[in-house]
């Protein structure tokens, strides 16, 4: 009977040691998994930041190109309007002179 109790006690001790080893292994695996998840999260954040930066650069370049095109168009339109103004101004002055001459005669 004492021998049976001794065997039970030894079995309980082995079970307790095995339980402790399993718990330690589980904690170790959980820690490894947490580390893997953190590394993946960091990697995804870096990739996301890179993609966002590339997209921002692309949009910035596109906006700069559009800005340059609009400035070029505005300058072209201004030049055309200035040319039209000069042409119409000459025509208007000429017509005024013709009217004055027609009305008052040339002296």
N, C-alpha and C. Protein backbone atom coordinates (compact mmCIF):
# COMPACT_ATOMS: atom_id res chain seq x y z
N UNK A 1 0.82 -1.19 0.00
CA UNK A 1 0.00 0.00 0.00
C UNK A 1 0.87 1.26 0.00
N UNK A 2 1.92 1.25 0.80
CA UNK A 2 2.84 2.38 0.81
C UNK A 2 3.50 2.55 -0.55
N UNK A 3 3.81 1.41 -1.13
CA UNK A 3 4.42 1.44 -2.45
C UNK A 3 3.46 2.05 -3.47
N UNK A 4 2.19 1.74 -3.39
CA UNK A 4 1.19 2.28 -4.30
C UNK A 4 1.05 3.78 -4.08
N UNK A 5 1.07 4.20 -2.80
CA UNK A 5 0.98 5.63 -2.50
C UNK A 5 2.21 6.37 -3.03
N UNK A 6 3.38 5.70 -2.88
CA UNK A 6 4.63 6.29 -3.37
C UNK A 6 4.57 6.43 -4.89
N UNK A 7 4.04 5.42 -5.56
CA UNK A 7 3.94 5.48 -7.02
C UNK A 7 2.96 6.57 -7.47
N UNK A 8 1.88 6.70 -6.72
CA UNK A 8 0.89 7.74 -7.03
C UNK A 8 1.53 9.11 -6.85
N UNK A 9 2.28 9.27 -5.75
CA UNK A 9 2.94 10.54 -5.46
C UNK A 9 3.96 10.86 -6.55
N UNK A 10 4.73 9.86 -6.97
CA UNK A 10 5.71 10.07 -8.05
C UNK A 10 5.00 10.40 -9.35
N UNK A 11 3.90 9.75 -9.62
CA UNK A 11 3.13 10.03 -10.84
C UNK A 11 2.59 11.45 -10.80
N UNK A 12 2.10 11.86 -9.62
CA UNK A 12 1.60 13.23 -9.49
C UNK A 12 2.73 14.23 -9.70
N UNK A 13 3.91 13.92 -9.16
CA UNK A 13 5.06 14.80 -9.32
C UNK A 13 5.45 14.90 -10.80
N UNK A 14 5.48 13.73 -11.48
CA UNK A 14 5.79 13.73 -12.92
C UNK A 14 4.73 14.51 -13.70
N UNK A 15 3.48 14.29 -13.34
CA UNK A 15 2.39 15.01 -14.01
C UNK A 15 2.52 16.52 -13.79
N UNK A 16 2.87 16.89 -12.58
CA UNK A 16 3.04 18.31 -12.26
C UNK A 16 4.21 18.90 -13.06
N UNK A 17 5.30 18.15 -13.15
CA UNK A 17 6.46 18.60 -13.93
C UNK A 17 6.09 18.70 -15.42
N UNK A 18 5.39 17.69 -15.89
CA UNK A 18 4.96 17.70 -17.29
C UNK A 18 4.01 18.88 -17.55
N UNK A 19 3.11 19.11 -16.61
CA UNK A 19 2.18 20.23 -16.72
C UNK A 19 2.97 21.55 -16.77
N UNK A 20 3.97 21.67 -15.91
CA UNK A 20 4.79 22.88 -15.88
C UNK A 20 5.55 23.06 -17.20
N UNK A 21 6.09 21.96 -17.72
CA UNK A 21 6.81 22.02 -18.99
C UNK A 21 5.88 22.41 -20.13
N UNK A 22 4.69 21.83 -20.12
CA UNK A 22 3.72 22.16 -21.17
C UNK A 22 3.29 23.62 -21.09
N UNK A 23 3.09 24.12 -19.87
CA UNK A 23 2.71 25.51 -19.70
C UNK A 23 3.83 26.45 -20.20
N UNK A 24 5.07 26.08 -19.86
CA UNK A 24 6.20 26.89 -20.31
C UNK A 24 6.31 26.86 -21.83
N UNK A 25 6.12 25.68 -22.42
CA UNK A 25 6.16 25.56 -23.87
C UNK A 25 5.05 26.38 -24.50
N UNK A 26 3.85 26.31 -23.92
CA UNK A 26 2.72 27.08 -24.43
C UNK A 26 3.01 28.57 -24.34
N UNK A 27 3.55 29.02 -23.21
CA UNK A 27 3.88 30.44 -23.06
C UNK A 27 4.94 30.86 -24.09
N UNK A 28 5.91 29.99 -24.30
CA UNK A 28 6.95 30.28 -25.27
C UNK A 28 6.36 30.39 -26.68
N UNK A 29 5.49 29.46 -27.04
CA UNK A 29 4.85 29.49 -28.36
C UNK A 29 3.95 30.71 -28.51
N UNK A 30 3.24 31.06 -27.45
CA UNK A 30 2.39 32.25 -27.50
C UNK A 30 3.25 33.50 -27.70
N UNK A 31 4.37 33.55 -26.99
CA UNK A 31 5.28 34.68 -27.12
C UNK A 31 5.83 34.76 -28.55
N UNK A 32 6.20 33.63 -29.12
CA UNK A 32 6.70 33.60 -30.49
C UNK A 32 5.61 34.07 -31.46
N UNK A 33 4.39 33.59 -31.25
CA UNK A 33 3.29 33.99 -32.12
C UNK A 33 3.01 35.49 -32.01
N UNK A 34 3.07 36.02 -30.78
CA UNK A 34 2.88 37.46 -30.60
C UNK A 34 3.96 38.24 -31.34
N UNK A 35 5.19 37.74 -31.25
CA UNK A 35 6.31 38.40 -31.93
C UNK A 35 6.11 38.37 -33.45
N UNK A 36 5.67 37.24 -33.96
CA UNK A 36 5.41 37.12 -35.40
C UNK A 36 4.32 38.09 -35.83
N UNK A 37 3.26 38.15 -35.03
CA UNK A 37 2.15 39.07 -35.34
C UNK A 37 2.65 40.52 -35.32
N UNK A 38 3.45 40.87 -34.31
CA UNK A 38 3.98 42.24 -34.23
C UNK A 38 4.87 42.56 -35.42
N UNK A 39 5.70 41.60 -35.82
CA UNK A 39 6.57 41.82 -36.98
C UNK A 39 5.74 41.98 -38.26
N UNK A 40 4.70 41.16 -38.43
CA UNK A 40 3.83 41.28 -39.60
C UNK A 40 3.12 42.63 -39.59
N UNK A 41 2.65 43.03 -38.41
CA UNK A 41 1.96 44.31 -38.29
C UNK A 41 2.90 45.46 -38.68
N UNK A 42 4.13 45.40 -38.18
CA UNK A 42 5.11 46.42 -38.50
C UNK A 42 5.40 46.43 -40.00
N UNK A 43 5.55 45.25 -40.57
CA UNK A 43 5.82 45.13 -42.01
C UNK A 43 4.67 45.72 -42.82
N UNK A 44 3.44 45.40 -42.44
CA UNK A 44 2.27 45.93 -43.15
C UNK A 44 2.18 47.44 -43.01
N UNK A 45 2.50 47.95 -41.83
CA UNK A 45 2.47 49.40 -41.64
C UNK A 45 3.51 50.08 -42.53
N UNK A 46 4.70 49.47 -42.61
CA UNK A 46 5.75 50.04 -43.45
C UNK A 46 5.34 49.99 -44.92
N UNK A 47 4.77 48.87 -45.34
CA UNK A 47 4.32 48.75 -46.72
C UNK A 47 3.21 49.76 -47.02
N UNK A 48 2.29 49.92 -46.07
CA UNK A 48 1.20 50.89 -46.25
C UNK A 48 1.75 52.31 -46.34
N UNK A 49 2.70 52.63 -45.48
CA UNK A 49 3.31 53.97 -45.51
C UNK A 49 4.02 54.20 -46.83
N UNK A 50 4.70 53.18 -47.33
CA UNK A 50 5.40 53.29 -48.62
C UNK A 50 4.41 53.52 -49.75
N UNK A 51 3.33 52.74 -49.75
CA UNK A 51 2.30 52.88 -50.80
C UNK A 51 1.66 54.27 -50.74
N UNK A 52 1.38 54.72 -49.53
CA UNK A 52 0.76 56.05 -49.37
C UNK A 52 1.72 57.13 -49.85
N UNK A 53 3.01 57.01 -49.49
CA UNK A 53 4.00 58.00 -49.92
C UNK A 53 4.13 58.01 -51.44
N UNK A 54 4.15 56.83 -52.05
CA UNK A 54 4.25 56.76 -53.51
C UNK A 54 3.02 57.39 -54.16
N UNK A 55 1.85 57.13 -53.60
CA UNK A 55 0.61 57.70 -54.14
C UNK A 55 0.61 59.22 -53.99
N UNK A 56 1.06 59.70 -52.82
CA UNK A 56 1.12 61.14 -52.61
C UNK A 56 2.08 61.79 -53.60
N UNK A 57 3.24 61.16 -53.82
CA UNK A 57 4.21 61.69 -54.78
C UNK A 57 3.61 61.72 -56.18
N UNK A 58 2.90 60.65 -56.54
CA UNK A 58 2.27 60.58 -57.86
C UNK A 58 1.24 61.69 -58.02
N UNK A 59 0.41 61.86 -57.00
CA UNK A 59 -0.61 62.91 -57.06
C UNK A 59 0.01 64.30 -57.08
N UNK A 60 1.07 64.49 -56.29
CA UNK A 60 1.76 65.78 -56.27
C UNK A 60 2.33 66.11 -57.65
N UNK A 61 2.96 65.12 -58.27
CA UNK A 61 3.51 65.32 -59.61
C UNK A 61 2.41 65.65 -60.61
N UNK A 62 1.30 64.91 -60.52
CA UNK A 62 0.18 65.15 -61.43
C UNK A 62 -0.37 66.57 -61.23
N UNK A 63 -0.50 66.99 -59.97
CA UNK A 63 -1.00 68.34 -59.70
C UNK A 63 -0.03 69.40 -60.20
N UNK A 64 1.25 69.16 -60.04
CA UNK A 64 2.24 70.11 -60.55
C UNK A 64 2.16 70.21 -62.07
N UNK A 65 1.97 69.08 -62.74
CA UNK A 65 1.85 69.09 -64.20
C UNK A 65 0.58 69.83 -64.62
N UNK A 66 -0.52 69.58 -63.92
CA UNK A 66 -1.77 70.29 -64.22
C UNK A 66 -1.62 71.78 -63.98
N UNK A 67 -0.92 72.13 -62.89
CA UNK A 67 -0.69 73.54 -62.56
C UNK A 67 0.11 74.22 -63.67
N UNK A 68 1.16 73.55 -64.13
CA UNK A 68 1.97 74.11 -65.21
C UNK A 68 1.14 74.27 -66.49
N UNK A 69 0.32 73.27 -66.79
CA UNK A 69 -0.52 73.34 -67.99
C UNK A 69 -1.52 74.50 -67.87
N UNK A 70 -2.11 74.67 -66.68
CA UNK A 70 -3.06 75.77 -66.49
C UNK A 70 -2.37 77.12 -66.60
N UNK A 71 -1.17 77.22 -66.04
CA UNK A 71 -0.44 78.48 -66.14
C UNK A 71 -0.08 78.79 -67.59
N UNK A 72 0.31 77.75 -68.33
CA UNK A 72 0.64 77.93 -69.74
C UNK A 72 -0.60 78.38 -70.52
N UNK A 73 -1.74 77.72 -70.25
CA UNK A 73 -3.00 78.10 -70.92
C UNK A 73 -3.40 79.53 -70.55
N UNK A 74 -3.22 79.88 -69.29
CA UNK A 74 -3.59 81.23 -68.85
C UNK A 74 -2.70 82.26 -69.53
N UNK A 75 -1.41 81.98 -69.64
CA UNK A 75 -0.51 82.92 -70.31
C UNK A 75 -0.87 83.06 -71.79
N UNK A 76 -1.19 81.94 -72.43
CA UNK A 76 -1.57 81.94 -73.84
C UNK A 76 -2.86 82.76 -74.03
N UNK A 77 -3.83 82.53 -73.15
CA UNK A 77 -5.10 83.26 -73.23
C UNK A 77 -4.88 84.75 -73.00
N UNK A 78 -4.01 85.09 -72.04
CA UNK A 78 -3.71 86.50 -71.77
C UNK A 78 -3.07 87.14 -72.98
N UNK A 79 -2.12 86.44 -73.61
CA UNK A 79 -1.48 86.97 -74.81
C UNK A 79 -2.48 87.18 -75.93
N UNK A 80 -3.38 86.22 -76.11
CA UNK A 80 -4.40 86.34 -77.16
C UNK A 80 -5.32 87.53 -76.88
N UNK A 81 -5.71 87.67 -75.60
CA UNK A 81 -6.59 88.79 -75.24
C UNK A 81 -5.87 90.12 -75.44
N UNK A 82 -4.58 90.16 -75.10
CA UNK A 82 -3.80 91.39 -75.30
C UNK A 82 -3.70 91.72 -76.79
N UNK A 83 -3.45 90.69 -77.60
CA UNK A 83 -3.37 90.90 -79.05
C UNK A 83 -4.72 91.37 -79.60
N UNK A 84 -5.80 90.76 -79.15
CA UNK A 84 -7.14 91.17 -79.58
C UNK A 84 -7.42 92.61 -79.16
N UNK A 85 -7.03 92.96 -77.93
CA UNK A 85 -7.23 94.32 -77.43
C UNK A 85 -6.49 95.31 -78.32
N UNK A 86 -5.21 95.00 -78.60
CA UNK A 86 -4.42 95.92 -79.43
C UNK A 86 -5.03 96.07 -80.83
N UNK A 87 -5.45 94.95 -81.41
CA UNK A 87 -6.06 94.98 -82.75
C UNK A 87 -7.37 95.78 -82.73
N UNK A 88 -8.20 95.50 -81.74
CA UNK A 88 -9.49 96.21 -81.66
C UNK A 88 -9.29 97.67 -81.29
N UNK A 89 -8.28 97.96 -80.48
CA UNK A 89 -8.00 99.35 -80.10
C UNK A 89 -7.63 100.15 -81.36
N UNK A 90 -6.77 99.57 -82.18
CA UNK A 90 -6.38 100.24 -83.43
C UNK A 90 -7.60 100.46 -84.32
N UNK A 91 -8.43 99.43 -84.42
CA UNK A 91 -9.64 99.55 -85.24
C UNK A 91 -10.56 100.64 -84.69
N UNK A 92 -10.73 100.66 -83.36
CA UNK A 92 -11.60 101.65 -82.73
C UNK A 92 -11.05 103.06 -82.94
N UNK A 93 -9.75 103.23 -82.74
CA UNK A 93 -9.14 104.55 -82.93
C UNK A 93 -9.31 104.99 -84.39
N UNK A 94 -9.10 104.08 -85.30
CA UNK A 94 -9.25 104.38 -86.73
C UNK A 94 -10.68 104.81 -87.04
N UNK A 95 -11.66 104.12 -86.47
CA UNK A 95 -13.07 104.47 -86.72
C UNK A 95 -13.41 105.82 -86.12
N UNK A 96 -12.86 106.09 -84.95
CA UNK A 96 -13.11 107.40 -84.31
C UNK A 96 -12.54 108.51 -85.17
N UNK A 97 -11.32 108.27 -85.66
CA UNK A 97 -10.70 109.28 -86.52
C UNK A 97 -11.54 109.48 -87.78
N UNK A 98 -12.01 108.40 -88.37
CA UNK A 98 -12.84 108.49 -89.57
C UNK A 98 -14.12 109.25 -89.29
N UNK A 99 -14.74 109.02 -88.13
CA UNK A 99 -15.98 109.72 -87.78
C UNK A 99 -15.73 111.21 -87.57
N UNK A 100 -14.63 111.50 -86.89
CA UNK A 100 -14.31 112.92 -86.64
C UNK A 100 -14.08 113.62 -87.97
N UNK A 101 -13.33 112.94 -88.83
CA UNK A 101 -13.05 113.55 -90.14
C UNK A 101 -14.35 113.69 -90.92
N UNK A 102 -15.20 112.67 -90.88
CA UNK A 102 -16.46 112.72 -91.60
C UNK A 102 -17.36 113.81 -91.04
N UNK A 103 -17.35 113.99 -89.74
CA UNK A 103 -18.24 114.95 -89.13
C UNK A 103 -17.66 116.36 -89.22
N UNK A 104 -16.39 116.54 -88.98
CA UNK A 104 -15.83 117.88 -88.95
C UNK A 104 -14.97 118.19 -90.17
N UNK A 105 -14.73 117.20 -90.96
CA UNK A 105 -13.90 117.39 -92.15
C UNK A 105 -12.44 117.45 -91.78
N UNK A 106 -11.61 117.34 -92.78
CA UNK A 106 -10.18 117.42 -92.48
C UNK A 106 -9.76 118.87 -92.65
N UNK A 107 -9.08 119.40 -91.75
CA UNK A 107 -8.72 120.82 -91.79
C UNK A 107 -7.27 120.98 -92.07
